[in-house]
Amino acid sequence: MARRSVFSTRVLLVCAAIAVATGILGGIEGWLATPVIAAVPFLYGAILGVHTLPGIIAQEIFRAPWVALLTHVLAAFVACAVAPVFVPQFIMTAILFGGIQELVAAAFRYRAWTWWRYLISALIIGAFIAVVMGLAADLGSLPTWAQITYIVLSLVGPMLWTLLALAVGRGLRRAGVVPAR
């Protein structure tokens, strides 16, 4: 007897399509990262949040295990083609962000698909961004207002990108992208 695949062809193709669109945005973010960190480092957390898009869109469409991580990894490959100098950063970000999104969904047994559940993963990602990128950007050397702005944008940025991803995912669900069960 043949074993059934975890992902149907339709799921794989939709995840790949999401990955292409969001991976291009991720690649653009990669090229923006260096000048933003150099000129206005307190804004970086807000633009890095673009990397929350692939997994949230996929989870909102399919509401199933592993689609966030799969879509993140595929999006990272696309981003690598757009900005090849950032290959390690894209792969690590995909695994980290996709992993966080999967862990939060798993904590709710893949049964809670309300907007607030997605914001939990966004807050965790934002906190991670705030700490790691704050160290990388030498946040302590910035004026107090810039430090506060950095922390706020690092937390709010991923949340706003997540809300955008939810809107896109819901629109795709309404358009009939969800596979028949």
N, C-alpha and C. Protein backbone atom coordinates (compact mmCIF):
# COMPACT_ATOMS: atom_id res chain seq x y z
N MET A 1 0.85 -1.17 0.00
CA MET A 1 0.00 0.00 0.00
C MET A 1 0.90 1.24 0.00
N ALA A 2 0.60 2.19 -0.84
CA ALA A 2 1.39 3.42 -0.94
C ALA A 2 1.11 4.31 0.27
N ARG A 3 2.17 4.94 0.78
CA ARG A 3 2.04 5.84 1.91
C ARG A 3 1.63 7.22 1.41
N ARG A 4 0.69 7.84 2.09
CA ARG A 4 0.20 9.16 1.69
C ARG A 4 1.20 10.24 2.10
N SER A 5 1.44 11.20 1.23
CA SER A 5 2.37 12.30 1.49
C SER A 5 1.80 13.23 2.56
N VAL A 6 2.68 13.83 3.33
CA VAL A 6 2.27 14.81 4.33
C VAL A 6 1.64 16.02 3.64
N PHE A 7 2.21 16.42 2.50
CA PHE A 7 1.73 17.58 1.75
C PHE A 7 1.22 17.14 0.39
N SER A 8 0.04 17.58 0.06
CA SER A 8 -0.47 17.31 -1.29
C SER A 8 0.24 18.22 -2.27
N THR A 9 0.13 17.91 -3.54
CA THR A 9 0.74 18.74 -4.57
C THR A 9 0.18 20.15 -4.50
N ARG A 10 -1.10 20.27 -4.26
CA ARG A 10 -1.72 21.59 -4.18
C ARG A 10 -1.14 22.40 -3.03
N VAL A 11 -0.98 21.79 -1.87
CA VAL A 11 -0.39 22.49 -0.72
C VAL A 11 1.03 22.93 -1.05
N LEU A 12 1.81 22.03 -1.63
CA LEU A 12 3.19 22.38 -2.01
C LEU A 12 3.23 23.54 -3.00
N LEU A 13 2.36 23.51 -3.99
CA LEU A 13 2.35 24.57 -4.99
C LEU A 13 1.91 25.91 -4.42
N VAL A 14 0.91 25.89 -3.55
CA VAL A 14 0.46 27.14 -2.93
C VAL A 14 1.55 27.69 -2.01
N CYS A 15 2.17 26.82 -1.22
CA CYS A 15 3.27 27.26 -0.35
C CYS A 15 4.41 27.83 -1.19
N ALA A 16 4.70 27.21 -2.33
CA ALA A 16 5.76 27.71 -3.21
C ALA A 16 5.39 29.08 -3.78
N ALA A 17 4.13 29.26 -4.16
CA ALA A 17 3.70 30.56 -4.70
C ALA A 17 3.80 31.65 -3.63
N ILE A 18 3.37 31.33 -2.41
CA ILE A 18 3.51 32.28 -1.30
C ILE A 18 4.99 32.59 -1.08
N ALA A 19 5.82 31.56 -1.14
CA ALA A 19 7.26 31.72 -0.92
C ALA A 19 7.89 32.63 -1.97
N VAL A 20 7.47 32.52 -3.21
CA VAL A 20 8.05 33.38 -4.25
C VAL A 20 7.72 34.84 -3.95
N ALA A 21 6.46 35.12 -3.70
CA ALA A 21 6.06 36.51 -3.45
C ALA A 21 6.73 37.07 -2.20
N THR A 22 6.71 36.32 -1.11
CA THR A 22 7.28 36.82 0.14
C THR A 22 8.80 36.75 0.14
N GLY A 23 9.36 35.81 -0.61
CA GLY A 23 10.82 35.71 -0.71
C GLY A 23 11.41 36.91 -1.45
N ILE A 24 10.71 37.40 -2.45
CA ILE A 24 11.17 38.61 -3.15
C ILE A 24 11.19 39.78 -2.17
N LEU A 25 10.13 39.90 -1.36
CA LEU A 25 10.11 40.97 -0.35
C LEU A 25 11.25 40.79 0.66
N GLY A 26 11.49 39.55 1.05
CA GLY A 26 12.59 39.27 1.98
C GLY A 26 13.94 39.62 1.38
N GLY A 27 14.13 39.34 0.09
CA GLY A 27 15.38 39.70 -0.58
C GLY A 27 15.57 41.21 -0.63
N ILE A 28 14.50 41.93 -0.89
CA ILE A 28 14.57 43.40 -0.89
C ILE A 28 14.94 43.89 0.51
N GLU A 29 14.32 43.29 1.53
CA GLU A 29 14.68 43.66 2.91
C GLU A 29 16.16 43.41 3.16
N GLY A 30 16.69 42.32 2.61
CA GLY A 30 18.11 42.03 2.77
C GLY A 30 18.98 43.17 2.25
N TRP A 31 18.65 43.68 1.07
CA TRP A 31 19.43 44.78 0.51
C TRP A 31 19.23 46.07 1.29
N LEU A 32 18.09 46.24 1.93
CA LEU A 32 17.84 47.44 2.72
C LEU A 32 18.49 47.38 4.10
N ALA A 33 18.78 46.18 4.58
CA ALA A 33 19.26 46.00 5.95
C ALA A 33 20.51 46.81 6.25
N THR A 34 21.54 46.69 5.43
CA THR A 34 22.80 47.36 5.73
C THR A 34 22.66 48.88 5.77
N PRO A 35 22.05 49.51 4.75
CA PRO A 35 21.92 50.97 4.85
C PRO A 35 21.01 51.41 6.00
N VAL A 36 19.97 50.64 6.30
CA VAL A 36 19.09 51.02 7.41
C VAL A 36 19.83 50.91 8.74
N ILE A 37 20.55 49.81 8.94
CA ILE A 37 21.30 49.65 10.19
C ILE A 37 22.36 50.73 10.32
N ALA A 38 22.98 51.11 9.21
CA ALA A 38 24.03 52.14 9.25
C ALA A 38 23.45 53.54 9.50
N ALA A 39 22.31 53.84 8.87
CA ALA A 39 21.78 55.20 8.93
C ALA A 39 20.74 55.40 10.04
N VAL A 40 19.81 54.49 10.16
CA VAL A 40 18.72 54.60 11.13
C VAL A 40 18.44 53.25 11.78
N PRO A 41 19.37 52.76 12.60
CA PRO A 41 19.26 51.40 13.14
C PRO A 41 17.99 51.15 13.94
N PHE A 42 17.39 52.19 14.51
CA PHE A 42 16.19 51.99 15.30
C PHE A 42 14.98 51.60 14.45
N LEU A 43 15.08 51.70 13.12
CA LEU A 43 14.00 51.28 12.23
C LEU A 43 14.11 49.82 11.79
N TYR A 44 15.25 49.19 12.06
CA TYR A 44 15.49 47.87 11.49
C TYR A 44 14.50 46.80 11.94
N GLY A 45 14.11 46.81 13.20
CA GLY A 45 13.16 45.81 13.69
C GLY A 45 11.85 45.82 12.92
N ALA A 46 11.46 47.01 12.48
CA ALA A 46 10.19 47.13 11.74
C ALA A 46 10.30 46.49 10.36
N ILE A 47 11.43 46.68 9.68
CA ILE A 47 11.53 46.10 8.33
C ILE A 47 11.86 44.62 8.37
N LEU A 48 12.56 44.16 9.41
CA LEU A 48 12.88 42.74 9.52
C LEU A 48 11.61 41.91 9.71
N GLY A 49 10.58 42.53 10.24
CA GLY A 49 9.31 41.85 10.44
C GLY A 49 8.67 41.32 9.17
N VAL A 50 9.13 41.79 8.00
CA VAL A 50 8.60 41.29 6.72
C VAL A 50 8.76 39.78 6.63
N HIS A 51 9.75 39.25 7.32
CA HIS A 51 10.00 37.81 7.26
C HIS A 51 8.96 36.98 8.01
N THR A 52 8.00 37.63 8.67
CA THR A 52 6.91 36.86 9.30
C THR A 52 5.85 36.46 8.27
N LEU A 53 5.83 37.11 7.12
CA LEU A 53 4.77 36.90 6.13
C LEU A 53 4.59 35.45 5.66
N PRO A 54 5.64 34.75 5.20
CA PRO A 54 5.41 33.45 4.58
C PRO A 54 4.65 32.47 5.45
N GLY A 55 5.09 32.30 6.68
CA GLY A 55 4.47 31.31 7.56
C GLY A 55 3.06 31.65 7.97
N ILE A 56 2.82 32.92 8.24
CA ILE A 56 1.47 33.33 8.67
C ILE A 56 0.47 33.17 7.53
N ILE A 57 0.86 33.58 6.33
CA ILE A 57 -0.04 33.42 5.19
C ILE A 57 -0.36 31.93 4.99
N ALA A 58 0.68 31.09 5.02
CA ALA A 58 0.47 29.65 4.82
C ALA A 58 -0.39 29.05 5.93
N GLN A 59 -0.13 29.43 7.17
CA GLN A 59 -0.94 28.89 8.27
C GLN A 59 -2.39 29.36 8.18
N GLU A 60 -2.59 30.60 7.79
CA GLU A 60 -3.96 31.10 7.69
C GLU A 60 -4.71 30.40 6.57
N ILE A 61 -4.04 30.07 5.49
CA ILE A 61 -4.71 29.39 4.38
C ILE A 61 -5.00 27.93 4.73
N PHE A 62 -3.99 27.22 5.20
CA PHE A 62 -4.12 25.77 5.37
C PHE A 62 -4.50 25.31 6.77
N ARG A 63 -4.13 26.11 7.77
CA ARG A 63 -4.41 25.74 9.17
C ARG A 63 -3.98 24.31 9.45
N ALA A 64 -2.72 24.06 9.14
CA ALA A 64 -2.18 22.70 9.24
C ALA A 64 -0.73 22.76 9.73
N PRO A 65 -0.24 21.65 10.30
CA PRO A 65 1.16 21.60 10.74
C PRO A 65 2.15 21.71 9.58
N TRP A 66 3.28 22.27 9.88
CA TRP A 66 4.47 22.33 9.04
C TRP A 66 4.42 23.28 7.84
N VAL A 67 3.25 23.86 7.54
CA VAL A 67 3.20 24.74 6.37
C VAL A 67 3.98 26.03 6.60
N ALA A 68 4.05 26.51 7.84
CA ALA A 68 4.80 27.75 8.12
C ALA A 68 6.29 27.52 7.87
N LEU A 69 6.82 26.46 8.43
CA LEU A 69 8.25 26.19 8.27
C LEU A 69 8.60 25.91 6.81
N LEU A 70 7.79 25.10 6.14
CA LEU A 70 8.03 24.81 4.73
C LEU A 70 8.04 26.09 3.90
N THR A 71 7.05 26.94 4.08
CA THR A 71 6.95 28.16 3.29
C THR A 71 8.09 29.12 3.61
N HIS A 72 8.48 29.18 4.87
CA HIS A 72 9.62 30.03 5.25
C HIS A 72 10.90 29.57 4.55
N VAL A 73 11.15 28.28 4.56
CA VAL A 73 12.38 27.77 3.94
C VAL A 73 12.36 28.03 2.43
N LEU A 74 11.23 27.79 1.79
CA LEU A 74 11.14 28.08 0.36
C LEU A 74 11.31 29.57 0.08
N ALA A 75 10.73 30.42 0.92
CA ALA A 75 10.88 31.87 0.76
C ALA A 75 12.35 32.29 0.96
N ALA A 76 13.04 31.62 1.86
CA ALA A 76 14.46 31.92 2.07
C ALA A 76 15.27 31.62 0.81
N PHE A 77 14.94 30.52 0.14
CA PHE A 77 15.64 30.20 -1.11
C PHE A 77 15.41 31.28 -2.17
N VAL A 78 14.19 31.78 -2.24
CA VAL A 78 13.90 32.86 -3.19
C VAL A 78 14.65 34.12 -2.80
N ALA A 79 14.63 34.45 -1.51
CA ALA A 79 15.36 35.64 -1.03
C ALA A 79 16.85 35.52 -1.33
N CYS A 80 17.38 34.30 -1.23
CA CYS A 80 18.80 34.08 -1.53
C CYS A 80 19.11 34.39 -2.99
N ALA A 81 18.16 34.12 -3.88
CA ALA A 81 18.36 34.44 -5.30
C ALA A 81 18.33 35.94 -5.53
N VAL A 82 17.53 36.66 -4.73
CA VAL A 82 17.41 38.11 -4.87
C VAL A 82 18.62 38.81 -4.25
N ALA A 83 19.07 38.32 -3.11
CA ALA A 83 20.19 38.94 -2.39
C ALA A 83 21.14 37.84 -1.91
N PRO A 84 21.95 37.29 -2.82
CA PRO A 84 22.76 36.12 -2.48
C PRO A 84 23.82 36.34 -1.40
N VAL A 85 24.16 37.56 -1.10
CA VAL A 85 25.16 37.81 -0.06
C VAL A 85 24.62 37.52 1.34
N PHE A 86 23.31 37.34 1.46
CA PHE A 86 22.70 37.12 2.77
C PHE A 86 22.17 35.70 2.96
N VAL A 87 22.72 34.74 2.25
CA VAL A 87 22.23 33.36 2.32
C VAL A 87 22.14 32.85 3.76
N PRO A 88 23.20 32.92 4.56
CA PRO A 88 23.08 32.38 5.92
C PRO A 88 21.99 33.08 6.75
N GLN A 89 21.91 34.40 6.60
CA GLN A 89 20.91 35.15 7.36
C GLN A 89 19.49 34.74 6.97
N PHE A 90 19.24 34.57 5.67
CA PHE A 90 17.91 34.19 5.22
C PHE A 90 17.53 32.79 5.71
N ILE A 91 18.46 31.86 5.61
CA ILE A 91 18.18 30.48 6.03
C ILE A 91 17.92 30.43 7.55
N MET A 92 18.78 31.11 8.31
CA MET A 92 18.61 31.12 9.77
C MET A 92 17.30 31.80 10.17
N THR A 93 16.97 32.91 9.52
CA THR A 93 15.73 33.62 9.82
C THR A 93 14.52 32.74 9.49
N ALA A 94 14.58 32.04 8.37
CA ALA A 94 13.47 31.16 7.97
C ALA A 94 13.24 30.06 9.01
N ILE A 95 14.31 29.44 9.43
CA ILE A 95 14.20 28.37 10.42
C ILE A 95 13.70 28.91 11.75
N LEU A 96 14.24 30.05 12.16
CA LEU A 96 13.85 30.64 13.44
C LEU A 96 12.39 31.10 13.42
N PHE A 97 12.03 31.94 12.44
CA PHE A 97 10.68 32.49 12.40
C PHE A 97 9.66 31.39 12.13
N GLY A 98 9.94 30.52 11.16
CA GLY A 98 9.04 29.41 10.87
C GLY A 98 8.90 28.48 12.06
N GLY A 99 10.03 28.24 12.72
CA GLY A 99 10.01 27.38 13.91
C GLY A 99 9.18 27.96 15.04
N ILE A 100 9.32 29.27 15.27
CA ILE A 100 8.52 29.93 16.31
C ILE A 100 7.04 29.84 15.95
N GLN A 101 6.71 30.12 14.70
CA GLN A 101 5.30 30.06 14.29
C GLN A 101 4.74 28.64 14.44
N GLU A 102 5.54 27.64 14.09
CA GLU A 102 5.09 26.25 14.25
C GLU A 102 4.95 25.88 15.72
N LEU A 103 5.89 26.29 16.55
CA LEU A 103 5.83 25.96 17.98
C LEU A 103 4.61 26.57 18.65
N VAL A 104 4.31 27.82 18.31
CA VAL A 104 3.13 28.46 18.90
C VAL A 104 1.87 27.73 18.43
N ALA A 105 1.78 27.42 17.14
CA ALA A 105 0.62 26.69 16.64
C ALA A 105 0.52 25.31 17.30
N ALA A 106 1.66 24.65 17.48
CA ALA A 106 1.67 23.33 18.12
C ALA A 106 1.25 23.43 19.58
N ALA A 107 1.65 24.51 20.25
CA ALA A 107 1.25 24.70 21.65
C ALA A 107 -0.27 24.77 21.78
N PHE A 108 -0.92 25.23 20.73
CA PHE A 108 -2.39 25.27 20.71
C PHE A 108 -2.96 24.08 19.95
N ARG A 109 -2.11 23.06 19.74
CA ARG A 109 -2.50 21.79 19.09
C ARG A 109 -3.06 22.00 17.69
N TYR A 110 -2.59 23.03 17.03
CA TYR A 110 -3.04 23.36 15.68
C TYR A 110 -4.57 23.47 15.61
N ARG A 111 -5.16 24.02 16.69
CA ARG A 111 -6.62 24.17 16.72
C ARG A 111 -7.05 25.62 16.87
N ALA A 112 -6.17 26.50 17.33
CA ALA A 112 -6.52 27.91 17.54
C ALA A 112 -6.00 28.72 16.35
N TRP A 113 -6.91 29.26 15.57
CA TRP A 113 -6.51 30.01 14.38
C TRP A 113 -7.06 31.43 14.41
N THR A 114 -7.23 31.96 15.59
CA THR A 114 -7.72 33.34 15.71
C THR A 114 -6.55 34.31 15.65
N TRP A 115 -6.84 35.55 15.36
CA TRP A 115 -5.81 36.57 15.14
C TRP A 115 -4.87 36.71 16.34
N TRP A 116 -5.39 36.60 17.55
CA TRP A 116 -4.54 36.80 18.73
C TRP A 116 -3.48 35.70 18.86
N ARG A 117 -3.79 34.50 18.39
CA ARG A 117 -2.80 33.41 18.45
C ARG A 117 -1.62 33.72 17.55
N TYR A 118 -1.88 34.28 16.40
CA TYR A 118 -0.80 34.66 15.49
C TYR A 118 0.05 35.77 16.10
N LEU A 119 -0.59 36.67 16.84
CA LEU A 119 0.15 37.78 17.44
C LEU A 119 1.10 37.30 18.55
N ILE A 120 0.81 36.16 19.14
CA ILE A 120 1.73 35.60 20.13
C ILE A 120 3.06 35.27 19.46
N SER A 121 3.01 34.61 18.31
CA SER A 121 4.27 34.31 17.61
C SER A 121 4.95 35.59 17.15
N ALA A 122 4.17 36.59 16.74
CA ALA A 122 4.75 37.87 16.32
C ALA A 122 5.47 38.55 17.48
N LEU A 123 4.89 38.50 18.67
CA LEU A 123 5.53 39.10 19.84
C LEU A 123 6.82 38.37 20.22
N ILE A 124 6.80 37.06 20.13
CA ILE A 124 8.02 36.29 20.42
C ILE A 124 9.10 36.64 19.41
N ILE A 125 8.73 36.69 18.13
CA ILE A 125 9.69 37.06 17.09
C ILE A 125 10.20 38.48 17.33
N GLY A 126 9.29 39.40 17.65
CA GLY A 126 9.69 40.78 17.91
C GLY A 126 10.65 40.90 19.08
N ALA A 127 10.39 40.15 20.15
CA ALA A 127 11.29 40.17 21.31
C ALA A 127 12.67 39.64 20.92
N PHE A 128 12.68 38.58 20.12
CA PHE A 128 13.95 38.03 19.66
C PHE A 128 14.71 39.06 18.81
N ILE A 129 13.98 39.70 17.89
CA ILE A 129 14.59 40.75 17.05
C ILE A 129 15.17 41.85 17.94
N ALA A 130 14.39 42.30 18.91
CA ALA A 130 14.83 43.40 19.78
C ALA A 130 16.14 43.07 20.48
N VAL A 131 16.24 41.87 21.00
CA VAL A 131 17.44 41.49 21.74
C VAL A 131 18.63 41.29 20.80
N VAL A 132 18.49 40.42 19.83
CA VAL A 132 19.61 40.06 18.96
C VAL A 132 20.08 41.25 18.12
N MET A 133 19.15 41.90 17.45
CA MET A 133 19.56 43.01 16.59
C MET A 133 19.97 44.23 17.41
N GLY A 134 19.41 44.35 18.62
CA GLY A 134 19.85 45.43 19.51
C GLY A 134 21.32 45.28 19.87
N LEU A 135 21.76 44.05 20.08
CA LEU A 135 23.18 43.80 20.34
C LEU A 135 24.02 44.05 19.10
N ALA A 136 23.52 43.59 17.96
CA ALA A 136 24.26 43.75 16.70
C ALA A 136 24.37 45.22 16.29
N ALA A 137 23.33 46.00 16.56
CA ALA A 137 23.33 47.41 16.16
C ALA A 137 23.90 48.32 17.25
N ASP A 138 24.42 47.72 18.34
CA ASP A 138 24.97 48.48 19.46
C ASP A 138 23.95 49.50 19.96
N LEU A 139 22.81 49.00 20.32
CA LEU A 139 21.69 49.83 20.76
C LEU A 139 22.07 50.77 21.90
N GLY A 140 22.95 50.34 22.77
CA GLY A 140 23.37 51.16 23.91
C GLY A 140 24.04 52.45 23.52
N SER A 141 24.57 52.52 22.30
CA SER A 141 25.25 53.74 21.86
C SER A 141 24.28 54.77 21.29
N LEU A 142 23.03 54.40 21.13
CA LEU A 142 22.02 55.31 20.58
C LEU A 142 21.40 56.16 21.69
N PRO A 143 20.85 57.32 21.33
CA PRO A 143 20.15 58.12 22.34
C PRO A 143 18.93 57.36 22.88
N THR A 144 18.49 57.74 24.05
CA THR A 144 17.39 57.05 24.72
C THR A 144 16.14 56.97 23.84
N TRP A 145 15.79 58.06 23.16
CA TRP A 145 14.59 58.05 22.31
C TRP A 145 14.72 57.01 21.20
N ALA A 146 15.94 56.85 20.65
CA ALA A 146 16.16 55.86 19.59
C ALA A 146 16.09 54.44 20.14
N GLN A 147 16.58 54.24 21.35
CA GLN A 147 16.50 52.91 21.98
C GLN A 147 15.05 52.52 22.21
N ILE A 148 14.26 53.45 22.72
CA ILE A 148 12.84 53.18 22.97
C ILE A 148 12.12 52.92 21.65
N THR A 149 12.39 53.76 20.66
CA THR A 149 11.76 53.60 19.34
C THR A 149 12.14 52.24 18.76
N TYR A 150 13.40 51.87 18.90
CA TYR A 150 13.86 50.58 18.38
C TYR A 150 13.08 49.42 19.01
N ILE A 151 12.97 49.43 20.33
CA ILE A 151 12.28 48.35 21.03
C ILE A 151 10.80 48.30 20.63
N VAL A 152 10.16 49.46 20.59
CA VAL A 152 8.74 49.51 20.20
C VAL A 152 8.55 48.99 18.78
N LEU A 153 9.37 49.47 17.84
CA LEU A 153 9.23 49.05 16.45
C LEU A 153 9.59 47.57 16.26
N SER A 154 10.52 47.08 17.05
CA SER A 154 10.88 45.66 16.97
C SER A 154 9.73 44.77 17.41
N LEU A 155 8.93 45.24 18.35
CA LEU A 155 7.78 44.48 18.82
C LEU A 155 6.54 44.70 17.94
N VAL A 156 6.32 45.96 17.57
CA VAL A 156 5.12 46.30 16.79
C VAL A 156 5.28 45.91 15.32
N GLY A 157 6.48 46.03 14.77
CA GLY A 157 6.71 45.72 13.36
C GLY A 157 6.25 44.31 12.98
N PRO A 158 6.74 43.27 13.65
CA PRO A 158 6.28 41.92 13.32
C PRO A 158 4.77 41.74 13.53
N MET A 159 4.20 42.45 14.50
CA MET A 159 2.76 42.35 14.70
C MET A 159 2.00 42.95 13.51
N LEU A 160 2.46 44.09 13.02
CA LEU A 160 1.80 44.71 11.86
C LEU A 160 1.96 43.85 10.61
N TRP A 161 3.17 43.30 10.40
CA TRP A 161 3.39 42.42 9.26
C TRP A 161 2.50 41.17 9.38
N THR A 162 2.32 40.68 10.61
CA THR A 162 1.48 39.51 10.84
C THR A 162 0.02 39.82 10.51
N LEU A 163 -0.45 40.99 10.92
CA LEU A 163 -1.82 41.38 10.59
C LEU A 163 -2.01 41.50 9.08
N LEU A 164 -1.00 42.03 8.39
CA LEU A 164 -1.05 42.10 6.93
C LEU A 164 -1.11 40.69 6.34
N ALA A 165 -0.27 39.79 6.86
CA ALA A 165 -0.25 38.41 6.39
C ALA A 165 -1.60 37.74 6.60
N LEU A 166 -2.23 38.00 7.74
CA LEU A 166 -3.56 37.44 8.00
C LEU A 166 -4.59 37.94 6.98
N ALA A 167 -4.51 39.21 6.66
CA ALA A 167 -5.43 39.78 5.66
C ALA A 167 -5.21 39.12 4.30
N VAL A 168 -3.96 38.93 3.92
CA VAL A 168 -3.66 38.27 2.65
C VAL A 168 -4.14 36.82 2.68
N GLY A 169 -3.84 36.11 3.76
CA GLY A 169 -4.26 34.72 3.88
C GLY A 169 -5.77 34.57 3.84
N ARG A 170 -6.47 35.45 4.53
CA ARG A 170 -7.94 35.39 4.51
C ARG A 170 -8.48 35.70 3.13
N GLY A 171 -7.87 36.64 2.45
CA GLY A 171 -8.28 36.94 1.08
C GLY A 171 -8.07 35.75 0.16
N LEU A 172 -6.96 35.06 0.32
CA LEU A 172 -6.70 33.87 -0.49
C LEU A 172 -7.66 32.74 -0.14
N ARG A 173 -8.02 32.61 1.13
CA ARG A 173 -9.02 31.60 1.52
C ARG A 173 -10.37 31.91 0.85
N ARG A 174 -10.77 33.19 0.90
CA ARG A 174 -12.03 33.59 0.26
C ARG A 174 -11.99 33.36 -1.25
N ALA A 175 -10.79 33.48 -1.84
CA ALA A 175 -10.65 33.28 -3.29
C ALA A 175 -10.67 31.80 -3.67
N GLY A 176 -10.68 30.91 -2.67
CA GLY A 176 -10.78 29.49 -2.95
C GLY A 176 -9.45 28.76 -3.07
N VAL A 177 -8.39 29.31 -2.49
CA VAL A 177 -7.08 28.68 -2.57
C VAL A 177 -6.99 27.44 -1.67
N VAL A 178 -7.82 27.36 -0.64
CA VAL A 178 -7.77 26.25 0.29
C VAL A 178 -8.15 24.96 -0.43
N PRO A 179 -7.33 23.91 -0.25
CA PRO A 179 -7.64 22.64 -0.91
C PRO A 179 -8.88 21.98 -0.31
N ALA A 180 -9.56 21.25 -1.14
CA ALA A 180 -10.72 20.48 -0.65
C ALA A 180 -10.22 19.41 0.31
N ARG A 181 -10.94 19.19 1.36
CA ARG A 181 -10.51 18.20 2.37
C ARG A 181 -11.22 16.90 2.16
